[in-house]
Amino acid sequence: MTRNEPAQLSIKEAIETAVVHLTVQGIKDNSWALANPKDWESPIIQRYLREDANYVNGIEALYDEPATASATS
């Protein structure tokens, strides 16, 4: 027996994730400023930054061409 998660829960999580993404990117791009600069060290922001870096590194790895040995004649 399986149970699917309610659509409302998945939509809520998607919206919350989008808000965190937009907020952190806005702070990084200097579109917004934190009232307390120490809030940059917030666990939520730091987790987002780690996950974003891992995502970017994963995408870059997909496009890296493997090194090939050059044949000399």
N, C-alpha and C. Protein backbone atom coordinates (compact mmCIF):
# COMPACT_ATOMS: atom_id res chain seq x y z
N MET A 1 0.84 -1.17 0.00
CA MET A 1 0.00 0.00 0.00
C MET A 1 0.89 1.24 0.00
N THR A 2 0.58 2.19 -0.83
CA THR A 2 1.35 3.43 -0.89
C THR A 2 0.41 4.61 -0.68
N ARG A 3 1.02 5.69 -0.32
CA ARG A 3 0.24 6.91 -0.12
C ARG A 3 1.00 8.07 -0.74
N ASN A 4 0.36 8.80 -1.60
CA ASN A 4 0.99 9.94 -2.24
C ASN A 4 0.84 11.16 -1.34
N GLU A 5 1.83 12.06 -1.45
CA GLU A 5 1.76 13.28 -0.65
C GLU A 5 0.71 14.20 -1.25
N PRO A 6 -0.01 14.91 -0.42
CA PRO A 6 -1.04 15.81 -0.94
C PRO A 6 -0.43 16.90 -1.83
N ALA A 7 -1.15 17.26 -2.86
CA ALA A 7 -0.67 18.28 -3.80
C ALA A 7 -0.39 19.60 -3.08
N GLN A 8 -1.19 19.93 -2.08
CA GLN A 8 -0.99 21.19 -1.37
C GLN A 8 0.37 21.23 -0.69
N LEU A 9 0.82 20.09 -0.15
CA LEU A 9 2.12 20.05 0.53
C LEU A 9 3.25 20.28 -0.47
N SER A 10 3.18 19.64 -1.62
CA SER A 10 4.26 19.82 -2.59
C SER A 10 4.29 21.24 -3.15
N ILE A 11 3.12 21.83 -3.33
CA ILE A 11 3.06 23.22 -3.80
C ILE A 11 3.61 24.16 -2.75
N LYS A 12 3.26 23.93 -1.49
CA LYS A 12 3.76 24.77 -0.38
C LYS A 12 5.28 24.70 -0.33
N GLU A 13 5.85 23.50 -0.42
CA GLU A 13 7.30 23.35 -0.37
C GLU A 13 7.97 24.01 -1.57
N ALA A 14 7.36 23.92 -2.74
CA ALA A 14 7.93 24.57 -3.92
C ALA A 14 7.93 26.09 -3.76
N ILE A 15 6.86 26.63 -3.22
CA ILE A 15 6.79 28.09 -3.00
C ILE A 15 7.83 28.52 -1.97
N GLU A 16 7.95 27.77 -0.87
CA GLU A 16 8.93 28.13 0.16
C GLU A 16 10.35 28.08 -0.40
N THR A 17 10.64 27.08 -1.21
CA THR A 17 11.97 26.97 -1.82
C THR A 17 12.23 28.14 -2.76
N ALA A 18 11.22 28.52 -3.52
CA ALA A 18 11.37 29.66 -4.44
C ALA A 18 11.62 30.95 -3.68
N VAL A 19 10.94 31.14 -2.56
CA VAL A 19 11.13 32.35 -1.76
C VAL A 19 12.56 32.40 -1.22
N VAL A 20 13.06 31.29 -0.72
CA VAL A 20 14.44 31.25 -0.21
C VAL A 20 15.40 31.56 -1.35
N HIS A 21 15.19 30.94 -2.49
CA HIS A 21 16.07 31.17 -3.65
C HIS A 21 16.09 32.64 -4.05
N LEU A 22 14.92 33.23 -4.21
CA LEU A 22 14.85 34.64 -4.62
C LEU A 22 15.47 35.56 -3.57
N THR A 23 15.23 35.27 -2.32
CA THR A 23 15.76 36.11 -1.24
C THR A 23 17.29 36.05 -1.20
N VAL A 24 17.84 34.85 -1.19
CA VAL A 24 19.30 34.72 -1.10
C VAL A 24 19.96 35.29 -2.35
N GLN A 25 19.40 35.02 -3.51
CA GLN A 25 19.98 35.57 -4.74
C GLN A 25 19.90 37.10 -4.72
N GLY A 26 18.81 37.65 -4.21
CA GLY A 26 18.68 39.10 -4.11
C GLY A 26 19.72 39.70 -3.18
N ILE A 27 20.01 39.01 -2.09
CA ILE A 27 21.03 39.48 -1.15
C ILE A 27 22.41 39.39 -1.80
N LYS A 28 22.68 38.27 -2.48
CA LYS A 28 23.98 38.10 -3.15
C LYS A 28 24.19 39.16 -4.23
N ASP A 29 23.13 39.51 -4.95
CA ASP A 29 23.22 40.49 -6.03
C ASP A 29 23.11 41.93 -5.54
N ASN A 30 23.05 42.11 -4.24
CA ASN A 30 22.90 43.42 -3.61
C ASN A 30 21.61 44.13 -4.00
N SER A 31 20.58 43.35 -4.33
CA SER A 31 19.27 43.93 -4.56
C SER A 31 18.61 44.27 -3.22
N TRP A 32 18.97 43.48 -2.20
CA TRP A 32 18.48 43.72 -0.85
C TRP A 32 19.65 43.69 0.10
N ALA A 33 19.47 44.31 1.24
CA ALA A 33 20.48 44.28 2.29
C ALA A 33 19.84 43.74 3.56
N LEU A 34 20.60 42.98 4.28
CA LEU A 34 20.11 42.45 5.55
C LEU A 34 20.19 43.55 6.62
N ALA A 35 19.18 43.62 7.47
CA ALA A 35 19.20 44.58 8.57
C ALA A 35 20.37 44.26 9.50
N ASN A 36 20.64 42.98 9.68
CA ASN A 36 21.76 42.54 10.50
C ASN A 36 22.66 41.68 9.61
N PRO A 37 23.82 42.18 9.20
CA PRO A 37 24.71 41.43 8.31
C PRO A 37 25.09 40.05 8.84
N LYS A 38 25.04 39.86 10.16
CA LYS A 38 25.36 38.55 10.72
C LYS A 38 24.32 37.49 10.34
N ASP A 39 23.14 37.94 9.88
CA ASP A 39 22.11 36.99 9.45
C ASP A 39 22.56 36.18 8.24
N TRP A 40 23.60 36.66 7.54
CA TRP A 40 24.13 35.92 6.39
C TRP A 40 24.61 34.54 6.84
N GLU A 41 24.98 34.42 8.11
CA GLU A 41 25.47 33.15 8.65
C GLU A 41 24.32 32.24 9.10
N SER A 42 23.09 32.62 8.84
CA SER A 42 21.93 31.82 9.20
C SER A 42 22.04 30.42 8.60
N PRO A 43 21.65 29.40 9.36
CA PRO A 43 21.72 28.02 8.84
C PRO A 43 20.91 27.84 7.54
N ILE A 44 19.80 28.53 7.41
CA ILE A 44 18.98 28.40 6.20
C ILE A 44 19.74 28.94 5.00
N ILE A 45 20.35 30.11 5.15
CA ILE A 45 21.10 30.71 4.04
C ILE A 45 22.33 29.87 3.71
N GLN A 46 23.04 29.41 4.72
CA GLN A 46 24.24 28.62 4.48
C GLN A 46 23.91 27.28 3.83
N ARG A 47 22.80 26.68 4.22
CA ARG A 47 22.38 25.43 3.58
C ARG A 47 22.04 25.67 2.11
N TYR A 48 21.34 26.76 1.84
CA TYR A 48 21.01 27.10 0.46
C TYR A 48 22.28 27.28 -0.36
N LEU A 49 23.25 28.02 0.17
CA LEU A 49 24.49 28.29 -0.55
C LEU A 49 25.26 27.00 -0.83
N ARG A 50 25.28 26.08 0.14
CA ARG A 50 25.96 24.80 -0.07
C ARG A 50 25.27 24.00 -1.17
N GLU A 51 23.95 23.93 -1.10
CA GLU A 51 23.21 23.17 -2.10
C GLU A 51 23.34 23.80 -3.48
N ASP A 52 23.35 25.13 -3.54
CA ASP A 52 23.51 25.83 -4.81
C ASP A 52 24.89 25.54 -5.40
N ALA A 53 25.93 25.57 -4.56
CA ALA A 53 27.28 25.29 -5.03
C ALA A 53 27.39 23.85 -5.52
N ASN A 54 26.77 22.90 -4.81
CA ASN A 54 26.80 21.50 -5.24
C ASN A 54 26.09 21.33 -6.57
N TYR A 55 24.99 22.03 -6.75
CA TYR A 55 24.24 21.96 -8.00
C TYR A 55 25.08 22.49 -9.16
N VAL A 56 25.69 23.65 -8.95
CA VAL A 56 26.51 24.26 -10.00
C VAL A 56 27.69 23.36 -10.33
N ASN A 57 28.34 22.81 -9.31
CA ASN A 57 29.47 21.91 -9.55
C ASN A 57 29.04 20.67 -10.32
N GLY A 58 27.86 20.16 -10.01
CA GLY A 58 27.34 18.99 -10.72
C GLY A 58 27.07 19.30 -12.18
N ILE A 59 26.50 20.46 -12.45
CA ILE A 59 26.23 20.87 -13.84
C ILE A 59 27.54 21.04 -14.60
N GLU A 60 28.51 21.69 -13.96
CA GLU A 60 29.80 21.90 -14.63
C GLU A 60 30.47 20.57 -14.93
N ALA A 61 30.33 19.60 -14.04
CA ALA A 61 30.95 18.29 -14.25
C ALA A 61 30.33 17.59 -15.46
N LEU A 62 29.07 17.84 -15.72
CA LEU A 62 28.42 17.23 -16.88
C LEU A 62 29.02 17.73 -18.19
N TYR A 63 29.50 18.96 -18.18
CA TYR A 63 30.02 19.56 -19.40
C TYR A 63 31.53 19.45 -19.53
N ASP A 64 32.20 18.96 -18.49
CA ASP A 64 33.64 18.76 -18.59
C ASP A 64 33.91 17.58 -19.49
N GLU A 65 34.77 17.78 -20.45
CA GLU A 65 35.13 16.69 -21.34
C GLU A 65 36.23 15.88 -20.69
N PRO A 66 36.12 14.55 -20.78
CA PRO A 66 37.18 13.74 -20.18
C PRO A 66 38.49 13.96 -20.95
N ALA A 67 39.58 13.91 -20.23
CA ALA A 67 40.88 14.09 -20.86
C ALA A 67 41.16 12.91 -21.77
N THR A 68 41.62 13.17 -22.95
CA THR A 68 41.94 12.09 -23.89
C THR A 68 43.42 12.16 -24.19
N ALA A 69 43.98 10.99 -24.32
CA ALA A 69 45.42 10.92 -24.64
C ALA A 69 45.59 11.25 -26.11
N SER A 70 46.52 12.13 -26.39
CA SER A 70 46.75 12.48 -27.79
C SER A 70 47.73 11.49 -28.39
N ALA A 71 47.41 11.05 -29.57
CA ALA A 71 48.27 10.09 -30.26
C ALA A 71 49.32 10.85 -31.06
N THR A 72 50.51 10.40 -30.95
CA THR A 72 51.58 11.01 -31.75
C THR A 72 52.01 10.01 -32.79
N SER A 73 52.36 10.51 -33.97
CA SER A 73 52.78 9.59 -35.02
C SER A 73 54.24 9.74 -35.32
